[in-house]
Amino acid sequence: MRRKKENVRYHVVSVRVSHEDRETLEHLSKQTNMKVSDLMREALLAVPAKERS
């Protein structure tokens, strides 16, 4: 029997970025040993809550 996953993500958000921005994301990803998607989630959460609502 499978275990229920926590933090299941159902929605996909696509963003177009410049070549330079993509290189920056890849560089940060390697430096921090994080996936680009995790970096983007972390960046989103860095925005103060009052500005997100």
PDB file of N, CA and C in Angstrom:
ATOM      1  N   MET A   1       0.842  -1.178   0.000  1.00  0.00           N
ATOM      2  CA  MET A   1       0.000   0.000   0.000  1.00  0.00           C
ATOM      3  C   MET A   1       0.890   1.245   0.000  1.00  0.00           C
ATOM      4  N   ARG A   2       0.522   2.206  -0.825  1.00  0.00           N
ATOM      5  CA  ARG A   2       1.309   3.439  -0.922  1.00  0.00           C
ATOM      6  C   ARG A   2       1.018   4.367   0.248  1.00  0.00           C
ATOM      7  N   ARG A   3       2.048   5.087   0.615  1.00  0.00           N
ATOM      8  CA  ARG A   3       1.930   6.105   1.644  1.00  0.00           C
ATOM      9  C   ARG A   3       1.447   7.393   1.009  1.00  0.00           C
ATOM     10  N   LYS A   4       0.598   8.142   1.700  1.00  0.00           N
ATOM     11  CA  LYS A   4       0.152   9.431   1.163  1.00  0.00           C
ATOM     12  C   LYS A   4       1.309  10.418   1.198  1.00  0.00           C
ATOM     13  N   LYS A   5       1.448  11.148   0.107  1.00  0.00           N
ATOM     14  CA  LYS A   5       2.505  12.152   0.037  1.00  0.00           C
ATOM     15  C   LYS A   5       2.047  13.428   0.728  1.00  0.00           C
ATOM     16  N   GLU A   6       2.991  14.092   1.368  1.00  0.00           N
ATOM     17  CA  GLU A   6       2.714  15.399   1.952  1.00  0.00           C
ATOM     18  C   GLU A   6       3.119  16.460   0.938  1.00  0.00           C
ATOM     19  N   ASN A   7       2.493  17.609   1.009  1.00  0.00           N
ATOM     20  CA  ASN A   7       2.809  18.727   0.112  1.00  0.00           C
ATOM     21  C   ASN A   7       2.658  18.353  -1.359  1.00  0.00           C
ATOM     22  N   VAL A   8       1.597  17.664  -1.684  1.00  0.00           N
ATOM     23  CA  VAL A   8       1.341  17.287  -3.070  1.00  0.00           C
ATOM     24  C   VAL A   8       1.075  18.554  -3.871  1.00  0.00           C
ATOM     25  N   ARG A   9       1.710  18.655  -5.024  1.00  0.00           N
ATOM     26  CA  ARG A   9       1.554  19.846  -5.864  1.00  0.00           C
ATOM     27  C   ARG A   9       0.808  19.456  -7.126  1.00  0.00           C
ATOM     28  N   TYR A  10      -0.299  20.142  -7.373  1.00  0.00           N
ATOM     29  CA  TYR A  10      -1.147  19.819  -8.511  1.00  0.00           C
ATOM     30  C   TYR A  10      -1.018  20.804  -9.666  1.00  0.00           C
ATOM     31  N   HIS A  11      -0.505  21.989  -9.411  1.00  0.00           N
ATOM     32  CA  HIS A  11      -0.487  23.048 -10.419  1.00  0.00           C
ATOM     33  C   HIS A  11       0.925  23.266 -10.958  1.00  0.00           C
ATOM     34  N   VAL A  12       0.997  23.547 -12.241  1.00  0.00           N
ATOM     35  CA  VAL A  12       2.271  23.833 -12.896  1.00  0.00           C
ATOM     36  C   VAL A  12       2.247  25.288 -13.337  1.00  0.00           C
ATOM     37  N   VAL A  13       3.333  25.997 -13.042  1.00  0.00           N
ATOM     38  CA  VAL A  13       3.477  27.384 -13.478  1.00  0.00           C
ATOM     39  C   VAL A  13       4.688  27.428 -14.404  1.00  0.00           C
ATOM     40  N   SER A  14       4.487  27.948 -15.602  1.00  0.00           N
ATOM     41  CA  SER A  14       5.562  28.074 -16.583  1.00  0.00           C
ATOM     42  C   SER A  14       5.962  29.536 -16.699  1.00  0.00           C
ATOM     43  N   VAL A  15       7.256  29.766 -16.782  1.00  0.00           N
ATOM     44  CA  VAL A  15       7.760  31.135 -16.888  1.00  0.00           C
ATOM     45  C   VAL A  15       8.841  31.168 -17.960  1.00  0.00           C
ATOM     46  N   ARG A  16       8.764  32.141 -18.830  1.00  0.00           N
ATOM     47  CA  ARG A  16       9.822  32.335 -19.827  1.00  0.00           C
ATOM     48  C   ARG A  16      10.867  33.279 -19.230  1.00  0.00           C
ATOM     49  N   VAL A  17      12.124  32.895 -19.360  1.00  0.00           N
ATOM     50  CA  VAL A  17      13.219  33.719 -18.850  1.00  0.00           C
ATOM     51  C   VAL A  17      14.265  33.879 -19.948  1.00  0.00           C
ATOM     52  N   SER A  18      15.084  34.898 -19.795  1.00  0.00           N
ATOM     53  CA  SER A  18      16.158  35.115 -20.766  1.00  0.00           C
ATOM     54  C   SER A  18      17.237  34.044 -20.582  1.00  0.00           C
ATOM     55  N   HIS A  19      18.094  33.958 -21.560  1.00  0.00           N
ATOM     56  CA  HIS A  19      19.210  33.011 -21.502  1.00  0.00           C
ATOM     57  C   HIS A  19      20.064  33.285 -20.261  1.00  0.00           C
ATOM     58  N   GLU A  20      20.309  34.557 -19.986  1.00  0.00           N
ATOM     59  CA  GLU A  20      21.131  34.938 -18.836  1.00  0.00           C
ATOM     60  C   GLU A  20      20.458  34.544 -17.527  1.00  0.00           C
ATOM     61  N   ASP A  21      19.143  34.760 -17.439  1.00  0.00           N
ATOM     62  CA  ASP A  21      18.418  34.381 -16.223  1.00  0.00           C
ATOM     63  C   ASP A  21      18.456  32.871 -16.020  1.00  0.00           C
ATOM     64  N   ARG A  22      18.317  32.122 -17.097  1.00  0.00           N
ATOM     65  CA  ARG A  22      18.376  30.658 -17.008  1.00  0.00           C
ATOM     66  C   ARG A  22      19.748  30.207 -16.530  1.00  0.00           C
ATOM     67  N   GLU A  23      20.798  30.827 -17.050  1.00  0.00           N
ATOM     68  CA  GLU A  23      22.152  30.486 -16.612  1.00  0.00           C
ATOM     69  C   GLU A  23      22.340  30.800 -15.134  1.00  0.00           C
ATOM     70  N   THR A  24      21.788  31.929 -14.698  1.00  0.00           N
ATOM     71  CA  THR A  24      21.868  32.300 -13.284  1.00  0.00           C
ATOM     72  C   THR A  24      21.161  31.262 -12.417  1.00  0.00           C
ATOM     73  N   LEU A  25      19.972  30.854 -12.837  1.00  0.00           N
ATOM     74  CA  LEU A  25      19.232  29.836 -12.085  1.00  0.00           C
ATOM     75  C   LEU A  25      20.002  28.518 -12.028  1.00  0.00           C
ATOM     76  N   GLU A  26      20.577  28.112 -13.140  1.00  0.00           N
ATOM     77  CA  GLU A  26      21.350  26.871 -13.168  1.00  0.00           C
ATOM     78  C   GLU A  26      22.580  26.968 -12.265  1.00  0.00           C
ATOM     79  N   HIS A  27      23.245  28.123 -12.289  1.00  0.00           N
ATOM     80  CA  HIS A  27      24.418  28.342 -11.441  1.00  0.00           C
ATOM     81  C   HIS A  27      24.026  28.270  -9.964  1.00  0.00           C
ATOM     82  N   LEU A  28      22.954  28.977  -9.589  1.00  0.00           N
ATOM     83  CA  LEU A  28      22.483  28.946  -8.202  1.00  0.00           C
ATOM     84  C   LEU A  28      22.062  27.540  -7.794  1.00  0.00           C
ATOM     85  N   SER A  29      21.454  26.833  -8.715  1.00  0.00           N
ATOM     86  CA  SER A  29      21.017  25.464  -8.456  1.00  0.00           C
ATOM     87  C   SER A  29      22.211  24.571  -8.107  1.00  0.00           C
ATOM     88  N   LYS A  30      23.271  24.702  -8.868  1.00  0.00           N
ATOM     89  CA  LYS A  30      24.473  23.900  -8.605  1.00  0.00           C
ATOM     90  C   LYS A  30      25.154  24.325  -7.309  1.00  0.00           C
ATOM     91  N   GLN A  31      25.221  25.646  -7.074  1.00  0.00           N
ATOM     92  CA  GLN A  31      25.867  26.157  -5.864  1.00  0.00           C
ATOM     93  C   GLN A  31      25.153  25.706  -4.602  1.00  0.00           C
ATOM     94  N   THR A  32      23.831  25.726  -4.630  1.00  0.00           N
ATOM     95  CA  THR A  32      23.039  25.422  -3.436  1.00  0.00           C
ATOM     96  C   THR A  32      22.604  23.966  -3.366  1.00  0.00           C
ATOM     97  N   ASN A  33      22.879  23.211  -4.425  1.00  0.00           N
ATOM     98  CA  ASN A  33      22.448  21.814  -4.506  1.00  0.00           C
ATOM     99  C   ASN A  33      20.925  21.695  -4.357  1.00  0.00           C
ATOM    100  N   MET A  34      20.221  22.641  -4.983  1.00  0.00           N
ATOM    101  CA  MET A  34      18.757  22.652  -4.964  1.00  0.00           C
ATOM    102  C   MET A  34      18.247  22.589  -6.393  1.00  0.00           C
ATOM    103  N   LYS A  35      17.044  22.058  -6.557  1.00  0.00           N
ATOM    104  CA  LYS A  35      16.399  22.080  -7.865  1.00  0.00           C
ATOM    105  C   LYS A  35      15.964  23.507  -8.167  1.00  0.00           C
ATOM    106  N   VAL A  36      15.902  23.853  -9.444  1.00  0.00           N
ATOM    107  CA  VAL A  36      15.462  25.190  -9.847  1.00  0.00           C
ATOM    108  C   VAL A  36      14.056  25.456  -9.313  1.00  0.00           C
ATOM    109  N   SER A  37      13.187  24.469  -9.364  1.00  0.00           N
ATOM    110  CA  SER A  37      11.819  24.657  -8.865  1.00  0.00           C
ATOM    111  C   SER A  37      11.823  24.983  -7.373  1.00  0.00           C
ATOM    112  N   ASP A  38      12.709  24.352  -6.604  1.00  0.00           N
ATOM    113  CA  ASP A  38      12.794  24.655  -5.174  1.00  0.00           C
ATOM    114  C   ASP A  38      13.337  26.063  -4.938  1.00  0.00           C
ATOM    115  N   LEU A  39      14.284  26.492  -5.774  1.00  0.00           N
ATOM    116  CA  LEU A  39      14.787  27.864  -5.677  1.00  0.00           C
ATOM    117  C   LEU A  39      13.666  28.870  -5.927  1.00  0.00           C
ATOM    118  N   MET A  40      12.849  28.585  -6.932  1.00  0.00           N
ATOM    119  CA  MET A  40      11.748  29.489  -7.266  1.00  0.00           C
ATOM    120  C   MET A  40      10.714  29.535  -6.140  1.00  0.00           C
ATOM    121  N   ARG A  41      10.405  28.381  -5.545  1.00  0.00           N
ATOM    122  CA  ARG A  41       9.466  28.358  -4.417  1.00  0.00           C
ATOM    123  C   ARG A  41      10.018  29.170  -3.251  1.00  0.00           C
ATOM    124  N   GLU A  42      11.314  29.007  -2.978  1.00  0.00           N
ATOM    125  CA  GLU A  42      11.947  29.742  -1.890  1.00  0.00           C
ATOM    126  C   GLU A  42      11.904  31.247  -2.158  1.00  0.00           C
ATOM    127  N   ALA A  43      12.143  31.636  -3.400  1.00  0.00           N
ATOM    128  CA  ALA A  43      12.091  33.054  -3.768  1.00  0.00           C
ATOM    129  C   ALA A  43      10.678  33.604  -3.583  1.00  0.00           C
ATOM    130  N   LEU A  44       9.684  32.824  -3.954  1.00  0.00           N
ATOM    131  CA  LEU A  44       8.295  33.252  -3.784  1.00  0.00           C
ATOM    132  C   LEU A  44       7.965  33.453  -2.310  1.00  0.00           C
ATOM    133  N   LEU A  45       8.423  32.552  -1.473  1.00  0.00           N
ATOM    134  CA  LEU A  45       8.147  32.660  -0.038  1.00  0.00           C
ATOM    135  C   LEU A  45       8.932  33.794   0.623  1.00  0.00           C
ATOM    136  N   ALA A  46       9.973  34.289  -0.047  1.00  0.00           N
ATOM    137  CA  ALA A  46      10.758  35.398   0.494  1.00  0.00           C
ATOM    138  C   ALA A  46      10.013  36.725   0.384  1.00  0.00           C
ATOM    139  N   VAL A  47       8.989  36.773  -0.458  1.00  0.00           N
ATOM    140  CA  VAL A  47       8.170  37.981  -0.594  1.00  0.00           C
ATOM    141  C   VAL A  47       7.299  38.080   0.654  1.00  0.00           C
ATOM    142  N   PRO A  48       7.292  39.239   1.325  1.00  0.00           N
ATOM    143  CA  PRO A  48       6.472  39.379   2.536  1.00  0.00           C
ATOM    144  C   PRO A  48       5.015  38.993   2.286  1.00  0.00           C
ATOM    145  N   ALA A  49       4.411  38.343   3.267  1.00  0.00           N
ATOM    146  CA  ALA A  49       3.043  37.822   3.143  1.00  0.00           C
ATOM    147  C   ALA A  49       2.047  38.900   2.736  1.00  0.00           C
ATOM    148  N   LYS A  50       2.183  40.110   3.270  1.00  0.00           N
ATOM    149  CA  LYS A  50       1.209  41.165   2.940  1.00  0.00           C
ATOM    150  C   LYS A  50       1.279  41.558   1.466  1.00  0.00           C
ATOM    151  N   GLU A  51       2.433  41.384   0.842  1.00  0.00           N
ATOM    152  CA  GLU A  51       2.572  41.700  -0.581  1.00  0.00           C
ATOM    153  C   GLU A  51       2.077  40.563  -1.462  1.00  0.00           C
ATOM    154  N   ARG A  52       1.947  39.360  -0.905  1.00  0.00           N
ATOM    155  CA  ARG A  52       1.484  38.207  -1.674  1.00  0.00           C
ATOM    156  C   ARG A  52      -0.030  38.121  -1.730  1.00  0.00           C
ATOM    157  N   SER A  53      -0.717  38.818  -0.846  1.00  0.00           N
ATOM    158  CA  SER A  53      -2.184  38.689  -0.831  1.00  0.00           C
ATOM    159  C   SER A  53      -2.876  39.807  -1.558  1.00  0.00           C
TER     160      SER A  53
END
